[in-house]
All heavy atoms as atom14 arrays in JSON, in Angstrom:
{
  "sequence": "GYASFSDVIAQLRSWQATRIRDRQLALAGALRQMSTDVGGLARA",
  "atom14_mask": [
    [1, 1, 1, 1, 0, 0, 0, 0, 0, 0, 0, 0, 0, 0],
    [1, 1, 1, 1, 1, 1, 1, 1, 1, 1, 1, 1, 0, 0],
    [1, 1, 1, 1, 1, 0, 0, 0, 0, 0, 0, 0, 0, 0],
    [1, 1, 1, 1, 1, 1, 0, 0, 0, 0, 0, 0, 0, 0],
    [1, 1, 1, 1, 1, 1, 1, 1, 1, 1, 1, 0, 0, 0],
    [1, 1, 1, 1, 1, 1, 0, 0, 0, 0, 0, 0, 0, 0],
    [1, 1, 1, 1, 1, 1, 1, 1, 0, 0, 0, 0, 0, 0],
    [1, 1, 1, 1, 1, 1, 1, 0, 0, 0, 0, 0, 0, 0],
    [1, 1, 1, 1, 1, 1, 1, 1, 0, 0, 0, 0, 0, 0],
    [1, 1, 1, 1, 1, 0, 0, 0, 0, 0, 0, 0, 0, 0],
    [1, 1, 1, 1, 1, 1, 1, 1, 1, 0, 0, 0, 0, 0],
    [1, 1, 1, 1, 1, 1, 1, 1, 0, 0, 0, 0, 0, 0],
    [1, 1, 1, 1, 1, 1, 1, 1, 1, 1, 1, 0, 0, 0],
    [1, 1, 1, 1, 1, 1, 0, 0, 0, 0, 0, 0, 0, 0],
    [1, 1, 1, 1, 1, 1, 1, 1, 1, 1, 1, 1, 1, 1],
    [1, 1, 1, 1, 1, 1, 1, 1, 1, 0, 0, 0, 0, 0],
    [1, 1, 1, 1, 1, 0, 0, 0, 0, 0, 0, 0, 0, 0],
    [1, 1, 1, 1, 1, 1, 1, 0, 0, 0, 0, 0, 0, 0],
    [1, 1, 1, 1, 1, 1, 1, 1, 1, 1, 1, 0, 0, 0],
    [1, 1, 1, 1, 1, 1, 1, 1, 0, 0, 0, 0, 0, 0],
    [1, 1, 1, 1, 1, 1, 1, 1, 1, 1, 1, 0, 0, 0],
    [1, 1, 1, 1, 1, 1, 1, 1, 0, 0, 0, 0, 0, 0],
    [1, 1, 1, 1, 1, 1, 1, 1, 1, 1, 1, 0, 0, 0],
    [1, 1, 1, 1, 1, 1, 1, 1, 1, 0, 0, 0, 0, 0],
    [1, 1, 1, 1, 1, 1, 1, 1, 0, 0, 0, 0, 0, 0],
    [1, 1, 1, 1, 1, 0, 0, 0, 0, 0, 0, 0, 0, 0],
    [1, 1, 1, 1, 1, 1, 1, 1, 0, 0, 0, 0, 0, 0],
    [1, 1, 1, 1, 1, 0, 0, 0, 0, 0, 0, 0, 0, 0],
    [1, 1, 1, 1, 0, 0, 0, 0, 0, 0, 0, 0, 0, 0],
    [1, 1, 1, 1, 1, 0, 0, 0, 0, 0, 0, 0, 0, 0],
    [1, 1, 1, 1, 1, 1, 1, 1, 0, 0, 0, 0, 0, 0],
    [1, 1, 1, 1, 1, 1, 1, 1, 1, 1, 1, 0, 0, 0],
    [1, 1, 1, 1, 1, 1, 1, 1, 1, 0, 0, 0, 0, 0],
    [1, 1, 1, 1, 1, 1, 1, 1, 0, 0, 0, 0, 0, 0],
    [1, 1, 1, 1, 1, 1, 0, 0, 0, 0, 0, 0, 0, 0],
    [1, 1, 1, 1, 1, 1, 1, 0, 0, 0, 0, 0, 0, 0],
    [1, 1, 1, 1, 1, 1, 1, 1, 0, 0, 0, 0, 0, 0],
    [1, 1, 1, 1, 1, 1, 1, 0, 0, 0, 0, 0, 0, 0],
    [1, 1, 1, 1, 0, 0, 0, 0, 0, 0, 0, 0, 0, 0],
    [1, 1, 1, 1, 0, 0, 0, 0, 0, 0, 0, 0, 0, 0],
    [1, 1, 1, 1, 1, 1, 1, 1, 0, 0, 0, 0, 0, 0],
    [1, 1, 1, 1, 1, 0, 0, 0, 0, 0, 0, 0, 0, 0],
    [1, 1, 1, 1, 1, 1, 1, 1, 1, 1, 1, 0, 0, 0],
    [1, 1, 1, 1, 1, 0, 0, 0, 0, 0, 0, 0, 0, 0]
  ],
  "atom14_positions": [
    [[-80.18, -50.76, -81.04], [-81.1, -51.85, -80.75], [-80.92, -52.48, -79.38], [-81.66, -53.39, -79.01], [0.0, 0.0, 0.0], [0.0, 0.0, 0.0], [0.0, 0.0, 0.0], [0.0, 0.0, 0.0], [0.0, 0.0, 0.0], [0.0, 0.0, 0.0], [0.0, 0.0, 0.0], [0.0, 0.0, 0.0], [0.0, 0.0, 0.0], [0.0, 0.0, 0.0]],
    [[-79.95, -52.0, -78.63], [-79.68, -52.55, -77.3], [-79.82, -51.47, -76.25], [-79.3, -50.36, -76.42], [-78.26, -53.13, -77.23], [-77.98, -54.2, -78.25], [-77.35, -53.89, -79.46], [-78.33, -55.53, -78.01], [-77.07, -54.87, -80.4], [-78.06, -56.51, -78.95], [-77.44, -56.18, -80.14], [-77.16, -57.16, -81.06], [0.0, 0.0, 0.0], [0.0, 0.0, 0.0]],
    [[-80.49, -51.8, -75.17], [-80.63, -50.84, -74.08], [-79.3, -50.62, -73.36], [-79.01, -49.52, -72.89], [-81.69, -51.31, -73.09], [0.0, 0.0, 0.0], [0.0, 0.0, 0.0], [0.0, 0.0, 0.0], [0.0, 0.0, 0.0], [0.0, 0.0, 0.0], [0.0, 0.0, 0.0], [0.0, 0.0, 0.0], [0.0, 0.0, 0.0], [0.0, 0.0, 0.0]],
    [[-78.5, -51.66, -73.28], [-77.21, -51.59, -72.59], [-76.3, -52.65, -73.16], [-76.73, -53.53, -73.93], [-77.39, -51.8, -71.08], [-77.85, -53.13, -70.83], [0.0, 0.0, 0.0], [0.0, 0.0, 0.0], [0.0, 0.0, 0.0], [0.0, 0.0, 0.0], [0.0, 0.0, 0.0], [0.0, 0.0, 0.0], [0.0, 0.0, 0.0], [0.0, 0.0, 0.0]],
    [[-75.04, -52.61, -72.75], [-74.11, -53.62, -73.25], [-74.39, -54.99, -72.64], [-74.04, -56.0, -73.22], [-72.66, -53.2, -72.98], [-71.67, -54.01, -73.76], [-71.61, -53.92, -75.14], [-70.8, -54.89, -73.12], [-70.7, -54.68, -75.88], [-69.88, -55.64, -73.84], [-69.84, -55.54, -75.23], [0.0, 0.0, 0.0], [0.0, 0.0, 0.0], [0.0, 0.0, 0.0]],
    [[-75.02, -55.03, -71.48], [-75.39, -56.32, -70.9], [-76.37, -57.06, -71.81], [-76.37, -58.3, -71.85], [-76.0, -56.13, -69.51], [-77.18, -55.37, -69.58], [0.0, 0.0, 0.0], [0.0, 0.0, 0.0], [0.0, 0.0, 0.0], [0.0, 0.0, 0.0], [0.0, 0.0, 0.0], [0.0, 0.0, 0.0], [0.0, 0.0, 0.0], [0.0, 0.0, 0.0]],
    [[-77.19, -56.31, -72.57], [-78.09, -56.94, -73.53], [-77.3, -57.55, -74.69], [-77.67, -58.59, -75.23], [-79.09, -55.93, -74.07], [-80.09, -55.49, -73.01], [-80.3, -56.26, -72.05], [-80.65, -54.39, -73.14], [0.0, 0.0, 0.0], [0.0, 0.0, 0.0], [0.0, 0.0, 0.0], [0.0, 0.0, 0.0], [0.0, 0.0, 0.0], [0.0, 0.0, 0.0]],
    [[-76.23, -56.88, -75.07], [-75.36, -57.42, -76.12], [-74.75, -58.74, -75.65], [-74.73, -59.74, -76.38], [-74.24, -56.41, -76.47], [-73.31, -57.0, -77.51], [-74.84, -55.1, -76.95], [0.0, 0.0, 0.0], [0.0, 0.0, 0.0], [0.0, 0.0, 0.0], [0.0, 0.0, 0.0], [0.0, 0.0, 0.0], [0.0, 0.0, 0.0], [0.0, 0.0, 0.0]],
    [[-74.25, -58.74, -74.43], [-73.65, -59.95, -73.87], [-74.67, -61.08, -73.79], [-74.38, -62.23, -74.13], [-73.05, -59.65, -72.48], [-71.89, -58.67, -72.59], [-72.6, -60.94, -71.8], [-71.38, -58.17, -71.25], [0.0, 0.0, 0.0], [0.0, 0.0, 0.0], [0.0, 0.0, 0.0], [0.0, 0.0, 0.0], [0.0, 0.0, 0.0], [0.0, 0.0, 0.0]],
    [[-75.89, -60.73, -73.35], [-76.94, -61.74, -73.24], [-77.24, -62.37, -74.59], [-77.45, -63.59, -74.69], [-78.2, -61.12, -72.65], [0.0, 0.0, 0.0], [0.0, 0.0, 0.0], [0.0, 0.0, 0.0], [0.0, 0.0, 0.0], [0.0, 0.0, 0.0], [0.0, 0.0, 0.0], [0.0, 0.0, 0.0], [0.0, 0.0, 0.0], [0.0, 0.0, 0.0]],
    [[-77.25, -61.57, -75.65], [-77.5, -62.11, -76.97], [-76.37, -63.02, -77.43], [-76.6, -64.1, -77.98], [-77.7, -60.98, -77.98], [-78.09, -61.5, -79.37], [-78.38, -60.38, -80.33], [-77.47, -59.71, -80.8], [-79.66, -60.17, -80.62], [0.0, 0.0, 0.0], [0.0, 0.0, 0.0], [0.0, 0.0, 0.0], [0.0, 0.0, 0.0], [0.0, 0.0, 0.0]],
    [[-75.13, -62.61, -77.19], [-73.99, -63.44, -77.56], [-74.05, -64.78, -76.84], [-73.81, -65.84, -77.44], [-72.68, -62.73, -77.22], [-72.26, -61.57, -78.1], [-70.97, -60.95, -77.57], [-72.07, -62.01, -79.54], [0.0, 0.0, 0.0], [0.0, 0.0, 0.0], [0.0, 0.0, 0.0], [0.0, 0.0, 0.0], [0.0, 0.0, 0.0], [0.0, 0.0, 0.0]],
    [[-74.36, -64.76, -75.55], [-74.41, -66.0, -74.78], [-75.59, -66.87, -75.22], [-75.5, -68.11, -75.2], [-74.5, -65.69, -73.29], [-73.28, -64.95, -72.75], [-73.24, -64.96, -71.25], [-72.99, -66.31, -70.74], [-73.03, -66.63, -69.45], [-73.3, -65.71, -68.54], [-72.8, -67.87, -69.07], [0.0, 0.0, 0.0], [0.0, 0.0, 0.0], [0.0, 0.0, 0.0]],
    [[-76.67, -66.25, -75.62], [-77.81, -67.0, -76.14], [-77.45, -67.71, -77.43], [-77.75, -68.89, -77.63], [-79.0, -66.07, -76.36], [-80.06, -66.74, -77.01], [0.0, 0.0, 0.0], [0.0, 0.0, 0.0], [0.0, 0.0, 0.0], [0.0, 0.0, 0.0], [0.0, 0.0, 0.0], [0.0, 0.0, 0.0], [0.0, 0.0, 0.0], [0.0, 0.0, 0.0]],
    [[-76.81, -66.99, -78.35], [-76.37, -67.6, -79.6], [-75.4, -68.75, -79.33], [-75.48, -69.81, -79.96], [-75.69, -66.56, -80.48], [-76.61, -65.52, -81.06], [-77.97, -65.61, -81.19], [-76.24, -64.25, -81.58], [-78.47, -64.47, -81.75], [-77.43, -63.61, -82.03], [-75.03, -63.57, -81.75], [-77.44, -62.35, -82.6], [-75.04, -62.31, -82.31], [-76.23, -61.7, -82.74]],
    [[-74.49, -68.53, -78.39], [-73.51, -69.56, -78.08], [-74.2, -70.8, -77.49], [-73.87, -71.94, -77.86], [-72.48, -69.02, -77.09], [-71.35, -69.99, -76.78], [-70.34, -69.38, -75.84], [-70.7, -68.79, -74.81], [-69.07, -69.5, -76.17], [0.0, 0.0, 0.0], [0.0, 0.0, 0.0], [0.0, 0.0, 0.0], [0.0, 0.0, 0.0], [0.0, 0.0, 0.0]],
    [[-75.14, -70.6, -76.57], [-75.85, -71.73, -75.97], [-76.6, -72.52, -77.03], [-76.64, -73.76, -76.98], [-76.82, -71.23, -74.9], [0.0, 0.0, 0.0], [0.0, 0.0, 0.0], [0.0, 0.0, 0.0], [0.0, 0.0, 0.0], [0.0, 0.0, 0.0], [0.0, 0.0, 0.0], [0.0, 0.0, 0.0], [0.0, 0.0, 0.0], [0.0, 0.0, 0.0]],
    [[-77.16, -71.82, -78.0], [-77.88, -72.5, -79.08], [-76.92, -73.35, -79.91], [-77.23, -74.5, -80.27], [-78.59, -71.48, -79.98], [-79.54, -70.75, -79.2], [-79.3, -72.16, -81.13], [0.0, 0.0, 0.0], [0.0, 0.0, 0.0], [0.0, 0.0, 0.0], [0.0, 0.0, 0.0], [0.0, 0.0, 0.0], [0.0, 0.0, 0.0], [0.0, 0.0, 0.0]],
    [[-75.74, -72.8, -80.22], [-74.77, -73.57, -81.0], [-74.31, -74.82, -80.24], [-74.18, -75.89, -80.82], [-73.55, -72.69, -81.33], [-73.82, -71.59, -82.33], [-72.53, -71.0, -82.88], [-71.67, -70.47, -81.84], [-71.73, -69.22, -81.39], [-72.62, -68.38, -81.91], [-70.91, -68.8, -80.45], [0.0, 0.0, 0.0], [0.0, 0.0, 0.0], [0.0, 0.0, 0.0]],
    [[-74.05, -74.66, -78.95], [-73.61, -75.8, -78.15], [-74.7, -76.86, -78.11], [-74.44, -78.06, -78.28], [-73.24, -75.35, -76.72], [-71.98, -74.47, -76.77], [-73.02, -76.55, -75.81], [-71.64, -73.82, -75.44], [0.0, 0.0, 0.0], [0.0, 0.0, 0.0], [0.0, 0.0, 0.0], [0.0, 0.0, 0.0], [0.0, 0.0, 0.0], [0.0, 0.0, 0.0]],
    [[-75.93, -76.43, -77.89], [-77.05, -77.38, -77.84], [-77.23, -78.07, -79.19], [-77.44, -79.29, -79.24], [-78.34, -76.63, -77.47], [-79.56, -77.55, -77.34], [-80.83, -76.74, -77.42], [-80.92, -76.07, -78.72], [-81.76, -75.08, -78.97], [-82.54, -74.61, -78.02], [-81.8, -74.53, -80.17], [0.0, 0.0, 0.0], [0.0, 0.0, 0.0], [0.0, 0.0, 0.0]],
    [[-77.12, -77.32, -80.28], [-77.3, -77.93, -81.61], [-76.21, -78.97, -81.88], [-76.48, -80.01, -82.5], [-77.28, -76.85, -82.69], [-78.53, -75.98, -82.67], [-79.51, -76.37, -82.0], [-78.52, -74.92, -83.32], [0.0, 0.0, 0.0], [0.0, 0.0, 0.0], [0.0, 0.0, 0.0], [0.0, 0.0, 0.0], [0.0, 0.0, 0.0], [0.0, 0.0, 0.0]],
    [[-74.97, -78.68, -81.44], [-73.9, -79.67, -81.62], [-74.2, -80.94, -80.84], [-73.96, -82.06, -81.31], [-72.55, -79.09, -81.18], [-71.97, -78.04, -82.12], [-70.51, -77.78, -81.78], [-69.97, -76.7, -82.56], [-69.89, -75.44, -82.15], [-70.3, -75.13, -80.94], [-69.38, -74.51, -82.91], [0.0, 0.0, 0.0], [0.0, 0.0, 0.0], [0.0, 0.0, 0.0]],
    [[-74.68, -80.77, -79.62], [-75.0, -81.94, -78.79], [-76.11, -82.76, -79.42], [-76.05, -84.0, -79.44], [-75.38, -81.49, -77.39], [-74.23, -80.89, -76.6], [-74.67, -80.24, -75.3], [-75.83, -79.88, -75.14], [-73.75, -80.11, -74.36], [0.0, 0.0, 0.0], [0.0, 0.0, 0.0], [0.0, 0.0, 0.0], [0.0, 0.0, 0.0], [0.0, 0.0, 0.0]],
    [[-77.14, -82.08, -79.94], [-78.24, -82.79, -80.58], [-77.78, -83.49, -81.85], [-78.22, -84.61, -82.15], [-79.38, -81.82, -80.9], [-80.12, -81.23, -79.68], [-81.14, -80.19, -80.13], [-80.8, -82.34, -78.88], [0.0, 0.0, 0.0], [0.0, 0.0, 0.0], [0.0, 0.0, 0.0], [0.0, 0.0, 0.0], [0.0, 0.0, 0.0], [0.0, 0.0, 0.0]],
    [[-76.89, -82.82, -82.58], [-76.38, -83.43, -83.81], [-75.56, -84.68, -83.49], [-75.66, -85.7, -84.18], [-75.52, -82.43, -84.59], [0.0, 0.0, 0.0], [0.0, 0.0, 0.0], [0.0, 0.0, 0.0], [0.0, 0.0, 0.0], [0.0, 0.0, 0.0], [0.0, 0.0, 0.0], [0.0, 0.0, 0.0], [0.0, 0.0, 0.0], [0.0, 0.0, 0.0]],
    [[-74.75, -84.6, -82.41], [-73.96, -85.76, -82.01], [-74.88, -86.9, -81.59], [-74.67, -88.05, -81.97], [-73.03, -85.38, -80.86], [-72.23, -86.53, -80.23], [-71.34, -87.19, -81.26], [-71.41, -86.04, -79.05], [0.0, 0.0, 0.0], [0.0, 0.0, 0.0], [0.0, 0.0, 0.0], [0.0, 0.0, 0.0], [0.0, 0.0, 0.0], [0.0, 0.0, 0.0]],
    [[-75.91, -86.57, -80.81], [-76.84, -87.6, -80.37], [-77.55, -88.24, -81.56], [-77.72, -89.46, -81.62], [-77.86, -87.0, -79.41], [0.0, 0.0, 0.0], [0.0, 0.0, 0.0], [0.0, 0.0, 0.0], [0.0, 0.0, 0.0], [0.0, 0.0, 0.0], [0.0, 0.0, 0.0], [0.0, 0.0, 0.0], [0.0, 0.0, 0.0], [0.0, 0.0, 0.0]],
    [[-77.93, -87.4, -82.54], [-78.59, -87.93, -83.73], [-77.68, -88.84, -84.53], [-78.1, -89.89, -85.02], [0.0, 0.0, 0.0], [0.0, 0.0, 0.0], [0.0, 0.0, 0.0], [0.0, 0.0, 0.0], [0.0, 0.0, 0.0], [0.0, 0.0, 0.0], [0.0, 0.0, 0.0], [0.0, 0.0, 0.0], [0.0, 0.0, 0.0], [0.0, 0.0, 0.0]],
    [[-76.42, -88.42, -84.66], [-75.47, -89.24, -85.41], [-75.23, -90.58, -84.72], [-75.18, -91.64, -85.36], [-74.14, -88.49, -85.57], [0.0, 0.0, 0.0], [0.0, 0.0, 0.0], [0.0, 0.0, 0.0], [0.0, 0.0, 0.0], [0.0, 0.0, 0.0], [0.0, 0.0, 0.0], [0.0, 0.0, 0.0], [0.0, 0.0, 0.0], [0.0, 0.0, 0.0]],
    [[-75.09, -90.54, -83.4], [-74.88, -91.78, -82.66], [-76.11, -92.67, -82.73], [-76.0, -93.9, -82.83], [-74.54, -91.46, -81.2], [-73.21, -90.76, -80.97], [-73.08, -90.37, -79.5], [-72.06, -91.64, -81.38], [0.0, 0.0, 0.0], [0.0, 0.0, 0.0], [0.0, 0.0, 0.0], [0.0, 0.0, 0.0], [0.0, 0.0, 0.0], [0.0, 0.0, 0.0]],
    [[-77.29, -92.05, -82.67], [-78.51, -92.84, -82.76], [-78.62, -93.5, -84.13], [-79.04, -94.65, -84.25], [-79.72, -91.94, -82.5], [-81.02, -92.71, -82.37], [-82.18, -91.78, -82.01], [-82.0, -91.27, -80.67], [-81.73, -90.01, -80.39], [-81.57, -89.14, -81.36], [-81.59, -89.61, -79.15], [0.0, 0.0, 0.0], [0.0, 0.0, 0.0], [0.0, 0.0, 0.0]],
    [[-78.24, -92.78, -85.18], [-78.28, -93.35, -86.52], [-77.3, -94.5, -86.64], [-77.6, -95.53, -87.25], [-77.96, -92.28, -87.57], [-78.07, -92.77, -89.02], [-79.46, -93.25, -89.35], [-80.45, -92.58, -89.04], [-79.56, -94.44, -89.95], [0.0, 0.0, 0.0], [0.0, 0.0, 0.0], [0.0, 0.0, 0.0], [0.0, 0.0, 0.0], [0.0, 0.0, 0.0]],
    [[-76.11, -94.33, -86.05], [-75.14, -95.42, -86.06], [-75.71, -96.66, -85.38], [-75.57, -97.78, -85.86], [-73.86, -94.99, -85.33], [-73.02, -93.98, -86.08], [-71.66, -93.34, -85.05], [-70.84, -94.89, -84.62], [0.0, 0.0, 0.0], [0.0, 0.0, 0.0], [0.0, 0.0, 0.0], [0.0, 0.0, 0.0], [0.0, 0.0, 0.0], [0.0, 0.0, 0.0]],
    [[-76.41, -96.43, -84.28], [-76.99, -97.54, -83.54], [-78.08, -98.22, -84.35], [-78.21, -99.44, -84.35], [-77.56, -97.05, -82.21], [-76.55, -96.45, -81.45], [0.0, 0.0, 0.0], [0.0, 0.0, 0.0], [0.0, 0.0, 0.0], [0.0, 0.0, 0.0], [0.0, 0.0, 0.0], [0.0, 0.0, 0.0], [0.0, 0.0, 0.0], [0.0, 0.0, 0.0]],
    [[-78.89, -97.41, -85.05], [-79.96, -97.98, -85.87], [-79.38, -98.85, -86.98], [-79.92, -99.92, -87.29], [-80.8, -96.84, -86.48], [-81.34, -96.06, -85.43], [-81.94, -97.41, -87.33], [0.0, 0.0, 0.0], [0.0, 0.0, 0.0], [0.0, 0.0, 0.0], [0.0, 0.0, 0.0], [0.0, 0.0, 0.0], [0.0, 0.0, 0.0], [0.0, 0.0, 0.0]],
    [[-78.28, -98.42, -87.56], [-77.64, -99.19, -88.63], [-77.14, -100.53, -88.13], [-77.12, -101.51, -88.87], [-76.47, -98.39, -89.23], [-76.96, -97.15, -89.96], [-78.16, -97.1, -90.3], [-76.14, -96.23, -90.18], [0.0, 0.0, 0.0], [0.0, 0.0, 0.0], [0.0, 0.0, 0.0], [0.0, 0.0, 0.0], [0.0, 0.0, 0.0], [0.0, 0.0, 0.0]],
    [[-76.73, -100.57, -86.89], [-76.23, -101.84, -86.35], [-77.34, -102.86, -86.26], [-77.13, -104.05, -86.46], [-75.6, -101.62, -84.95], [-75.29, -102.93, -84.28], [-74.34, -100.78, -85.09], [0.0, 0.0, 0.0], [0.0, 0.0, 0.0], [0.0, 0.0, 0.0], [0.0, 0.0, 0.0], [0.0, 0.0, 0.0], [0.0, 0.0, 0.0], [0.0, 0.0, 0.0]],
    [[-78.58, -102.39, -85.97], [-79.71, -103.31, -85.95], [-80.27, -103.55, -84.57], [-79.7, -103.14, -83.56], [0.0, 0.0, 0.0], [0.0, 0.0, 0.0], [0.0, 0.0, 0.0], [0.0, 0.0, 0.0], [0.0, 0.0, 0.0], [0.0, 0.0, 0.0], [0.0, 0.0, 0.0], [0.0, 0.0, 0.0], [0.0, 0.0, 0.0], [0.0, 0.0, 0.0]],
    [[-81.39, -104.24, -84.54], [-82.1, -104.48, -83.3], [-81.4, -105.44, -82.37], [-81.65, -105.44, -81.18], [0.0, 0.0, 0.0], [0.0, 0.0, 0.0], [0.0, 0.0, 0.0], [0.0, 0.0, 0.0], [0.0, 0.0, 0.0], [0.0, 0.0, 0.0], [0.0, 0.0, 0.0], [0.0, 0.0, 0.0], [0.0, 0.0, 0.0], [0.0, 0.0, 0.0]],
    [[-80.53, -106.3, -82.9], [-79.86, -107.28, -82.05], [-79.02, -106.6, -80.98], [-79.05, -106.99, -79.81], [-78.99, -108.2, -82.89], [-78.2, -109.26, -82.12], [-79.17, -110.17, -81.35], [-77.32, -110.08, -83.06], [0.0, 0.0, 0.0], [0.0, 0.0, 0.0], [0.0, 0.0, 0.0], [0.0, 0.0, 0.0], [0.0, 0.0, 0.0], [0.0, 0.0, 0.0]],
    [[-78.27, -105.59, -81.37], [-77.43, -104.88, -80.41], [-78.29, -104.22, -79.33], [-77.92, -104.19, -78.17], [-76.57, -103.83, -81.11], [0.0, 0.0, 0.0], [0.0, 0.0, 0.0], [0.0, 0.0, 0.0], [0.0, 0.0, 0.0], [0.0, 0.0, 0.0], [0.0, 0.0, 0.0], [0.0, 0.0, 0.0], [0.0, 0.0, 0.0], [0.0, 0.0, 0.0]],
    [[-79.46, -103.72, -79.75], [-80.35, -103.09, -78.77], [-80.83, -104.1, -77.74], [-80.86, -103.84, -76.53], [-81.55, -102.45, -79.48], [-82.52, -101.78, -78.54], [-83.66, -101.09, -79.27], [-83.18, -100.0, -80.07], [-83.09, -100.02, -81.39], [-83.44, -101.1, -82.07], [-82.63, -98.99, -82.06], [0.0, 0.0, 0.0], [0.0, 0.0, 0.0], [0.0, 0.0, 0.0]],
    [[-81.21, -105.26, -78.22], [-81.67, -106.3, -77.31], [-80.56, -106.74, -76.38], [-80.76, -106.95, -75.18], [-82.2, -107.49, -78.1], [0.0, 0.0, 0.0], [0.0, 0.0, 0.0], [0.0, 0.0, 0.0], [0.0, 0.0, 0.0], [0.0, 0.0, 0.0], [0.0, 0.0, 0.0], [0.0, 0.0, 0.0], [0.0, 0.0, 0.0], [0.0, 0.0, 0.0]]
  ]
}
C-alpha cells in the first residue's frame, strides 16, 4: 500500500501530529470547562 518507505514515515508523522493536536485541544477544552465552572465574575 506504500509507494516507498517515505510514505510510511509520512503516515506515521501524520498520525503523531493528529495525536499531539488532539491532546492540545483536549487540554484547552478542559481548561475552558474549568473556567466556565468558576463563573462569569472571574472572566470579567
